Amino acid sequence: MYSKEETQRLKREFWIAFAERYPRKWILYDTKIKDFSFKFYVDNKKAQVLIDIEHRSDEKRIAYFEKLEALKNILEEEFIKDLIFEKEYTLESGKTISRIWVEKLGVGVSNRNYWDEIFDFYNEKMHALELFYLEYDDFIKDIEKL
């Protein structure tokens, strides 16, 4: 078991190693949609690539989610398979968001032997989500037509 400081140091080393392995700028929060972001997540059981829709307005949050849901077949056939769509996802804080993600189970940040596998997973899946987003962002952003 790691101390809090050791865990923080390990996670910092993990993210530095990832940035060195794949030195590029990811879209992440730069989607041009308020509270709509791409994220990486890792713990000691899994790695995830996420799209979080955290808009304060439930109506807008659900509208963006439903836009992505309408593109689900295209997204899964042309870009990325095994996505999980959850319209009402509750964070540990109690906040409800919409989340779409793909995950790799059985890997963890505390075991350096998994790092390359996680890095490759992150690169492949996030790159696919970004390509999808760049192709369909005008459609996704336009929630006025709902």
N, C-alpha and C. Protein backbone atom coordinates (compact mmCIF):
# COMPACT_ATOMS: atom_id res chain seq x y z
N MET A 1 0.84 -1.18 0.00
CA MET A 1 0.00 0.00 0.00
C MET A 1 0.88 1.24 0.00
N TYR A 2 0.52 2.18 -0.81
CA TYR A 2 1.30 3.41 -0.92
C TYR A 2 0.75 4.48 0.01
N SER A 3 1.63 5.35 0.49
CA SER A 3 1.17 6.52 1.25
C SER A 3 0.55 7.51 0.26
N LYS A 4 -0.14 8.49 0.77
CA LYS A 4 -0.77 9.51 -0.08
C LYS A 4 0.28 10.21 -0.94
N GLU A 5 1.42 10.53 -0.34
CA GLU A 5 2.50 11.21 -1.07
C GLU A 5 3.08 10.31 -2.16
N GLU A 6 3.27 9.02 -1.83
CA GLU A 6 3.80 8.09 -2.83
C GLU A 6 2.83 7.91 -3.98
N THR A 7 1.55 7.84 -3.68
CA THR A 7 0.52 7.71 -4.72
C THR A 7 0.52 8.93 -5.62
N GLN A 8 0.61 10.11 -5.04
CA GLN A 8 0.65 11.35 -5.84
C GLN A 8 1.89 11.38 -6.72
N ARG A 9 3.03 10.99 -6.18
CA ARG A 9 4.28 10.97 -6.95
C ARG A 9 4.17 9.97 -8.10
N LEU A 10 3.62 8.80 -7.82
CA LEU A 10 3.47 7.77 -8.84
C LEU A 10 2.55 8.26 -9.97
N LYS A 11 1.42 8.87 -9.61
CA LYS A 11 0.51 9.39 -10.63
C LYS A 11 1.17 10.49 -11.45
N ARG A 12 1.94 11.35 -10.79
CA ARG A 12 2.66 12.41 -11.52
C ARG A 12 3.64 11.79 -12.52
N GLU A 13 4.38 10.77 -12.06
CA GLU A 13 5.33 10.08 -12.95
C GLU A 13 4.59 9.41 -14.10
N PHE A 14 3.44 8.83 -13.82
CA PHE A 14 2.62 8.18 -14.84
C PHE A 14 2.26 9.19 -15.94
N TRP A 15 1.73 10.36 -15.55
CA TRP A 15 1.29 11.35 -16.54
C TRP A 15 2.46 11.96 -17.30
N ILE A 16 3.59 12.12 -16.64
CA ILE A 16 4.79 12.62 -17.33
C ILE A 16 5.25 11.58 -18.36
N ALA A 17 5.26 10.32 -17.97
CA ALA A 17 5.68 9.25 -18.90
C ALA A 17 4.71 9.17 -20.09
N PHE A 18 3.42 9.34 -19.83
CA PHE A 18 2.44 9.32 -20.92
C PHE A 18 2.70 10.48 -21.88
N ALA A 19 2.93 11.67 -21.35
CA ALA A 19 3.18 12.85 -22.19
C ALA A 19 4.47 12.68 -23.01
N GLU A 20 5.45 12.01 -22.44
CA GLU A 20 6.69 11.77 -23.17
C GLU A 20 6.49 10.73 -24.27
N ARG A 21 5.66 9.73 -24.00
CA ARG A 21 5.40 8.67 -24.97
C ARG A 21 4.55 9.18 -26.14
N TYR A 22 3.56 10.03 -25.83
CA TYR A 22 2.66 10.59 -26.85
C TYR A 22 2.64 12.11 -26.70
N PRO A 23 3.70 12.76 -27.17
CA PRO A 23 3.81 14.22 -26.99
C PRO A 23 2.96 14.98 -28.01
N ARG A 24 1.71 15.17 -27.68
CA ARG A 24 0.81 15.90 -28.56
C ARG A 24 -0.21 16.63 -27.71
N LYS A 25 -0.89 17.56 -28.34
CA LYS A 25 -1.93 18.30 -27.63
C LYS A 25 -3.26 17.60 -27.88
N TRP A 26 -3.91 17.21 -26.81
CA TRP A 26 -5.21 16.56 -26.89
C TRP A 26 -6.29 17.63 -26.81
N ILE A 27 -7.47 17.35 -27.33
CA ILE A 27 -8.57 18.31 -27.28
C ILE A 27 -9.00 18.55 -25.82
N LEU A 28 -9.25 17.51 -25.08
CA LEU A 28 -9.67 17.53 -23.68
C LEU A 28 -10.76 18.57 -23.41
N TYR A 29 -10.40 19.72 -22.84
CA TYR A 29 -11.40 20.72 -22.48
C TYR A 29 -11.65 21.73 -23.60
N ASP A 30 -10.88 21.68 -24.66
CA ASP A 30 -10.97 22.67 -25.74
C ASP A 30 -11.97 22.25 -26.82
N THR A 31 -13.20 21.95 -26.40
CA THR A 31 -14.23 21.48 -27.33
C THR A 31 -15.08 22.61 -27.90
N LYS A 32 -14.96 23.79 -27.31
CA LYS A 32 -15.79 24.95 -27.69
C LYS A 32 -17.25 24.75 -27.27
N ILE A 33 -17.49 23.77 -26.39
CA ILE A 33 -18.81 23.56 -25.80
C ILE A 33 -18.62 23.64 -24.28
N LYS A 34 -19.37 24.52 -23.66
CA LYS A 34 -19.25 24.70 -22.21
C LYS A 34 -19.58 23.40 -21.48
N ASP A 35 -18.69 23.03 -20.56
CA ASP A 35 -18.88 21.85 -19.70
C ASP A 35 -19.02 20.54 -20.49
N PHE A 36 -18.32 20.44 -21.61
CA PHE A 36 -18.29 19.24 -22.46
C PHE A 36 -16.82 18.94 -22.67
N SER A 37 -16.33 17.82 -22.11
CA SER A 37 -14.89 17.58 -22.17
C SER A 37 -14.54 16.11 -22.35
N PHE A 38 -13.34 15.92 -22.86
CA PHE A 38 -12.74 14.60 -23.00
C PHE A 38 -11.77 14.43 -21.84
N LYS A 39 -11.73 13.24 -21.25
CA LYS A 39 -10.87 13.03 -20.09
C LYS A 39 -10.24 11.65 -20.12
N PHE A 40 -9.07 11.58 -19.46
CA PHE A 40 -8.42 10.31 -19.18
C PHE A 40 -8.63 10.02 -17.69
N TYR A 41 -8.81 8.75 -17.35
CA TYR A 41 -8.93 8.37 -15.95
C TYR A 41 -8.20 7.05 -15.74
N VAL A 42 -7.53 6.93 -14.62
CA VAL A 42 -6.88 5.66 -14.27
C VAL A 42 -6.90 5.51 -12.75
N ASP A 43 -7.09 4.28 -12.31
CA ASP A 43 -6.93 3.95 -10.90
C ASP A 43 -6.20 2.60 -10.85
N ASN A 44 -6.38 1.85 -9.79
CA ASN A 44 -5.65 0.58 -9.70
C ASN A 44 -6.41 -0.62 -10.22
N LYS A 45 -7.55 -0.37 -10.89
CA LYS A 45 -8.34 -1.46 -11.46
C LYS A 45 -8.64 -1.29 -12.93
N LYS A 46 -8.55 -0.04 -13.42
CA LYS A 46 -8.98 0.22 -14.80
C LYS A 46 -8.40 1.53 -15.32
N ALA A 47 -8.45 1.64 -16.64
CA ALA A 47 -8.13 2.90 -17.33
C ALA A 47 -9.35 3.23 -18.19
N GLN A 48 -9.68 4.52 -18.26
CA GLN A 48 -10.85 4.94 -19.03
C GLN A 48 -10.53 6.17 -19.87
N VAL A 49 -11.22 6.25 -21.01
CA VAL A 49 -11.25 7.45 -21.83
C VAL A 49 -12.72 7.87 -21.82
N LEU A 50 -12.97 9.12 -21.45
CA LEU A 50 -14.32 9.58 -21.17
C LEU A 50 -14.71 10.82 -21.96
N ILE A 51 -16.00 10.94 -22.21
CA ILE A 51 -16.60 12.21 -22.59
C ILE A 51 -17.56 12.54 -21.45
N ASP A 52 -17.31 13.65 -20.78
CA ASP A 52 -18.18 14.09 -19.70
C ASP A 52 -18.96 15.32 -20.15
N ILE A 53 -20.26 15.29 -19.94
CA ILE A 53 -21.14 16.43 -20.24
C ILE A 53 -21.69 16.86 -18.90
N GLU A 54 -21.21 18.03 -18.44
CA GLU A 54 -21.50 18.47 -17.08
C GLU A 54 -22.29 19.78 -17.04
N HIS A 55 -23.00 20.08 -18.08
CA HIS A 55 -23.72 21.35 -18.16
C HIS A 55 -24.67 21.51 -16.99
N ARG A 56 -24.72 22.72 -16.42
CA ARG A 56 -25.60 22.98 -15.26
C ARG A 56 -27.07 22.78 -15.62
N SER A 57 -27.40 23.11 -16.86
CA SER A 57 -28.77 22.93 -17.32
C SER A 57 -28.98 21.48 -17.73
N ASP A 58 -29.86 20.78 -17.01
CA ASP A 58 -30.14 19.38 -17.37
C ASP A 58 -30.63 19.28 -18.80
N GLU A 59 -31.42 20.25 -19.23
CA GLU A 59 -31.96 20.24 -20.59
C GLU A 59 -30.84 20.26 -21.63
N LYS A 60 -29.86 21.14 -21.43
CA LYS A 60 -28.74 21.21 -22.39
C LYS A 60 -27.84 19.99 -22.27
N ARG A 61 -27.60 19.55 -21.05
CA ARG A 61 -26.77 18.35 -20.85
C ARG A 61 -27.38 17.17 -21.59
N ILE A 62 -28.66 16.97 -21.42
CA ILE A 62 -29.34 15.84 -22.07
C ILE A 62 -29.39 16.04 -23.59
N ALA A 63 -29.55 17.28 -24.03
CA ALA A 63 -29.56 17.56 -25.48
C ALA A 63 -28.23 17.17 -26.13
N TYR A 64 -27.11 17.53 -25.49
CA TYR A 64 -25.80 17.14 -26.03
C TYR A 64 -25.64 15.62 -25.99
N PHE A 65 -26.05 15.00 -24.91
CA PHE A 65 -25.95 13.55 -24.80
C PHE A 65 -26.76 12.87 -25.92
N GLU A 66 -27.96 13.36 -26.14
CA GLU A 66 -28.82 12.75 -27.17
C GLU A 66 -28.26 12.96 -28.57
N LYS A 67 -27.54 14.06 -28.79
CA LYS A 67 -26.86 14.26 -30.08
C LYS A 67 -25.83 13.15 -30.29
N LEU A 68 -25.04 12.89 -29.24
CA LEU A 68 -24.03 11.83 -29.35
C LEU A 68 -24.69 10.46 -29.48
N GLU A 69 -25.77 10.27 -28.77
CA GLU A 69 -26.49 9.00 -28.84
C GLU A 69 -27.05 8.77 -30.26
N ALA A 70 -27.47 9.86 -30.91
CA ALA A 70 -27.98 9.75 -32.28
C ALA A 70 -26.89 9.32 -33.25
N LEU A 71 -25.64 9.59 -32.89
CA LEU A 71 -24.50 9.22 -33.73
C LEU A 71 -23.84 7.91 -33.28
N LYS A 72 -24.45 7.23 -32.35
CA LYS A 72 -23.84 6.04 -31.74
C LYS A 72 -23.43 4.98 -32.77
N ASN A 73 -24.29 4.68 -33.73
CA ASN A 73 -23.94 3.67 -34.73
C ASN A 73 -22.72 4.07 -35.54
N ILE A 74 -22.68 5.32 -35.97
CA ILE A 74 -21.53 5.81 -36.73
C ILE A 74 -20.28 5.76 -35.86
N LEU A 75 -20.42 6.24 -34.64
CA LEU A 75 -19.29 6.27 -33.71
C LEU A 75 -18.72 4.87 -33.49
N GLU A 76 -19.60 3.90 -33.27
CA GLU A 76 -19.12 2.55 -32.98
C GLU A 76 -18.66 1.79 -34.23
N GLU A 77 -19.27 2.07 -35.39
CA GLU A 77 -18.86 1.36 -36.61
C GLU A 77 -17.59 1.93 -37.22
N GLU A 78 -17.41 3.24 -37.12
CA GLU A 78 -16.30 3.88 -37.82
C GLU A 78 -15.15 4.34 -36.93
N PHE A 79 -15.39 4.48 -35.63
CA PHE A 79 -14.36 5.07 -34.79
C PHE A 79 -13.95 4.23 -33.58
N ILE A 80 -14.91 3.83 -32.76
CA ILE A 80 -14.56 3.18 -31.50
C ILE A 80 -15.70 2.29 -31.02
N LYS A 81 -15.35 1.07 -30.67
CA LYS A 81 -16.36 0.10 -30.21
C LYS A 81 -16.38 0.03 -28.67
N ASP A 82 -17.37 -0.65 -28.17
CA ASP A 82 -17.49 -0.95 -26.73
C ASP A 82 -17.66 0.28 -25.85
N LEU A 83 -18.32 1.30 -26.38
CA LEU A 83 -18.59 2.49 -25.58
C LEU A 83 -19.77 2.23 -24.64
N ILE A 84 -19.71 2.86 -23.49
CA ILE A 84 -20.80 2.80 -22.52
C ILE A 84 -21.44 4.19 -22.49
N PHE A 85 -22.74 4.25 -22.71
CA PHE A 85 -23.48 5.52 -22.71
C PHE A 85 -24.33 5.57 -21.45
N GLU A 86 -24.17 6.61 -20.66
CA GLU A 86 -24.99 6.76 -19.46
C GLU A 86 -25.48 8.21 -19.36
N LYS A 87 -26.78 8.38 -19.60
CA LYS A 87 -27.39 9.71 -19.58
C LYS A 87 -27.37 10.34 -18.20
N GLU A 88 -27.58 9.52 -17.17
CA GLU A 88 -27.64 10.01 -15.78
C GLU A 88 -26.55 9.29 -14.98
N TYR A 89 -25.35 9.86 -14.97
CA TYR A 89 -24.23 9.27 -14.24
C TYR A 89 -23.97 10.12 -13.00
N THR A 90 -23.93 9.50 -11.84
CA THR A 90 -23.73 10.25 -10.60
C THR A 90 -22.28 10.15 -10.16
N LEU A 91 -21.64 11.31 -10.03
CA LEU A 91 -20.26 11.37 -9.54
C LEU A 91 -20.23 11.14 -8.04
N GLU A 92 -19.04 10.88 -7.50
CA GLU A 92 -18.90 10.69 -6.05
C GLU A 92 -19.40 11.91 -5.28
N SER A 93 -19.30 13.08 -5.88
CA SER A 93 -19.73 14.33 -5.24
C SER A 93 -21.25 14.43 -5.16
N GLY A 94 -21.95 13.53 -5.88
CA GLY A 94 -23.41 13.59 -5.92
C GLY A 94 -23.95 14.31 -7.14
N LYS A 95 -23.07 14.97 -7.88
CA LYS A 95 -23.48 15.69 -9.09
C LYS A 95 -23.86 14.70 -10.19
N THR A 96 -24.94 15.00 -10.90
CA THR A 96 -25.36 14.15 -12.02
C THR A 96 -24.85 14.76 -13.32
N ILE A 97 -24.17 13.94 -14.10
CA ILE A 97 -23.66 14.34 -15.41
C ILE A 97 -24.10 13.29 -16.42
N SER A 98 -23.77 13.51 -17.68
CA SER A 98 -23.91 12.47 -18.70
C SER A 98 -22.49 12.05 -19.06
N ARG A 99 -22.30 10.76 -19.27
CA ARG A 99 -20.95 10.25 -19.52
C ARG A 99 -21.00 9.17 -20.58
N ILE A 100 -19.99 9.22 -21.44
CA ILE A 100 -19.77 8.18 -22.45
C ILE A 100 -18.31 7.77 -22.28
N TRP A 101 -18.07 6.47 -22.20
CA TRP A 101 -16.70 6.06 -21.97
C TRP A 101 -16.42 4.67 -22.50
N VAL A 102 -15.12 4.42 -22.58
CA VAL A 102 -14.62 3.10 -22.91
C VAL A 102 -13.56 2.80 -21.86
N GLU A 103 -13.46 1.52 -21.46
CA GLU A 103 -12.51 1.22 -20.39
C GLU A 103 -11.73 -0.05 -20.67
N LYS A 104 -10.60 -0.10 -20.03
CA LYS A 104 -9.73 -1.29 -20.07
C LYS A 104 -9.60 -1.75 -18.62
N LEU A 105 -10.12 -2.93 -18.36
CA LEU A 105 -10.10 -3.47 -16.99
C LEU A 105 -8.84 -4.30 -16.75
N GLY A 106 -8.50 -4.46 -15.49
CA GLY A 106 -7.37 -5.32 -15.13
C GLY A 106 -6.01 -4.66 -15.27
N VAL A 107 -5.99 -3.33 -15.33
CA VAL A 107 -4.73 -2.58 -15.38
C VAL A 107 -4.77 -1.56 -14.25
N GLY A 108 -3.59 -1.09 -13.84
CA GLY A 108 -3.57 -0.11 -12.76
C GLY A 108 -2.36 0.78 -12.80
N VAL A 109 -2.55 1.97 -12.28
CA VAL A 109 -1.49 2.97 -12.27
C VAL A 109 -0.34 2.58 -11.34
N SER A 110 -0.63 1.83 -10.29
CA SER A 110 0.43 1.51 -9.32
C SER A 110 1.39 0.43 -9.82
N ASN A 111 1.04 -0.25 -10.92
CA ASN A 111 1.93 -1.27 -11.47
C ASN A 111 2.52 -0.75 -12.78
N ARG A 112 3.77 -0.37 -12.73
CA ARG A 112 4.44 0.21 -13.91
C ARG A 112 4.45 -0.74 -15.12
N ASN A 113 4.30 -2.03 -14.88
CA ASN A 113 4.27 -2.99 -15.99
C ASN A 113 3.07 -2.77 -16.89
N TYR A 114 2.03 -2.11 -16.39
CA TYR A 114 0.83 -1.84 -17.20
C TYR A 114 0.89 -0.50 -17.93
N TRP A 115 1.84 0.32 -17.59
CA TRP A 115 1.83 1.68 -18.12
C TRP A 115 1.80 1.73 -19.65
N ASP A 116 2.68 0.98 -20.31
CA ASP A 116 2.70 1.02 -21.78
C ASP A 116 1.36 0.58 -22.36
N GLU A 117 0.76 -0.42 -21.78
CA GLU A 117 -0.54 -0.91 -22.23
C GLU A 117 -1.61 0.19 -22.06
N ILE A 118 -1.58 0.87 -20.93
CA ILE A 118 -2.52 1.96 -20.67
C ILE A 118 -2.27 3.11 -21.65
N PHE A 119 -1.01 3.47 -21.83
CA PHE A 119 -0.67 4.58 -22.75
C PHE A 119 -1.18 4.28 -24.16
N ASP A 120 -0.96 3.06 -24.63
CA ASP A 120 -1.42 2.70 -25.98
C ASP A 120 -2.95 2.73 -26.06
N PHE A 121 -3.61 2.23 -25.02
CA PHE A 121 -5.07 2.29 -24.94
C PHE A 121 -5.54 3.74 -25.00
N TYR A 122 -4.95 4.60 -24.18
CA TYR A 122 -5.32 6.02 -24.18
C TYR A 122 -5.14 6.64 -25.56
N ASN A 123 -4.00 6.41 -26.15
CA ASN A 123 -3.73 7.02 -27.45
C ASN A 123 -4.72 6.55 -28.50
N GLU A 124 -4.95 5.25 -28.57
CA GLU A 124 -5.86 4.70 -29.59
C GLU A 124 -7.29 5.21 -29.39
N LYS A 125 -7.80 5.13 -28.18
CA LYS A 125 -9.21 5.46 -27.93
C LYS A 125 -9.46 6.96 -27.96
N MET A 126 -8.57 7.75 -27.36
CA MET A 126 -8.79 9.20 -27.37
C MET A 126 -8.63 9.75 -28.78
N HIS A 127 -7.67 9.24 -29.52
CA HIS A 127 -7.49 9.67 -30.91
C HIS A 127 -8.76 9.39 -31.71
N ALA A 128 -9.34 8.21 -31.53
CA ALA A 128 -10.58 7.86 -32.24
C ALA A 128 -11.72 8.80 -31.84
N LEU A 129 -11.87 9.09 -30.56
CA LEU A 129 -12.93 10.01 -30.12
C LEU A 129 -12.71 11.41 -30.68
N GLU A 130 -11.47 11.85 -30.71
CA GLU A 130 -11.18 13.18 -31.26
C GLU A 130 -11.48 13.24 -32.75
N LEU A 131 -11.11 12.22 -33.50
CA LEU A 131 -11.42 12.21 -34.93
C LEU A 131 -12.93 12.28 -35.15
N PHE A 132 -13.67 11.49 -34.38
CA PHE A 132 -15.13 11.53 -34.45
C PHE A 132 -15.64 12.93 -34.14
N TYR A 133 -15.16 13.51 -33.06
CA TYR A 133 -15.64 14.83 -32.64
C TYR A 133 -15.32 15.89 -33.70
N LEU A 134 -14.12 15.87 -34.24
CA LEU A 134 -13.74 16.86 -35.24
C LEU A 134 -14.60 16.74 -36.50
N GLU A 135 -15.04 15.54 -36.81
CA GLU A 135 -15.89 15.34 -37.98
C GLU A 135 -17.34 15.77 -37.73
N TYR A 136 -17.82 15.60 -36.51
CA TYR A 136 -19.24 15.83 -36.22
C TYR A 136 -19.50 16.97 -35.24
N ASP A 137 -18.49 17.78 -34.93
CA ASP A 137 -18.67 18.81 -33.91
C ASP A 137 -19.74 19.84 -34.26
N ASP A 138 -19.88 20.20 -35.52
CA ASP A 138 -20.92 21.18 -35.88
C ASP A 138 -22.31 20.62 -35.56
N PHE A 139 -22.53 19.36 -35.86
CA PHE A 139 -23.80 18.72 -35.54
C PHE A 139 -24.01 18.66 -34.03
N ILE A 140 -22.99 18.27 -33.30
CA ILE A 140 -23.10 18.14 -31.83
C ILE A 140 -23.36 19.49 -31.18
N LYS A 141 -22.67 20.52 -31.64
CA LYS A 141 -22.80 21.85 -31.03
C LYS A 141 -24.17 22.47 -31.26
N ASP A 142 -24.81 22.09 -32.33
CA ASP A 142 -26.07 22.73 -32.72
C ASP A 142 -27.26 22.08 -32.02
N ILE A 143 -27.44 22.45 -30.75
CA ILE A 143 -28.58 21.87 -30.02
C ILE A 143 -29.84 22.74 -30.18
N GLU A 144 -29.72 23.84 -30.88
CA GLU A 144 -30.89 24.70 -31.11
C GLU A 144 -31.92 24.01 -31.98
N LYS A 145 -31.49 23.05 -32.79
CA LYS A 145 -32.40 22.39 -33.74
C LYS A 145 -33.15 21.23 -33.09
N LEU A 146 -33.01 21.07 -31.80
CA LEU A 146 -33.72 19.98 -31.13
C LEU A 146 -35.12 20.38 -30.79
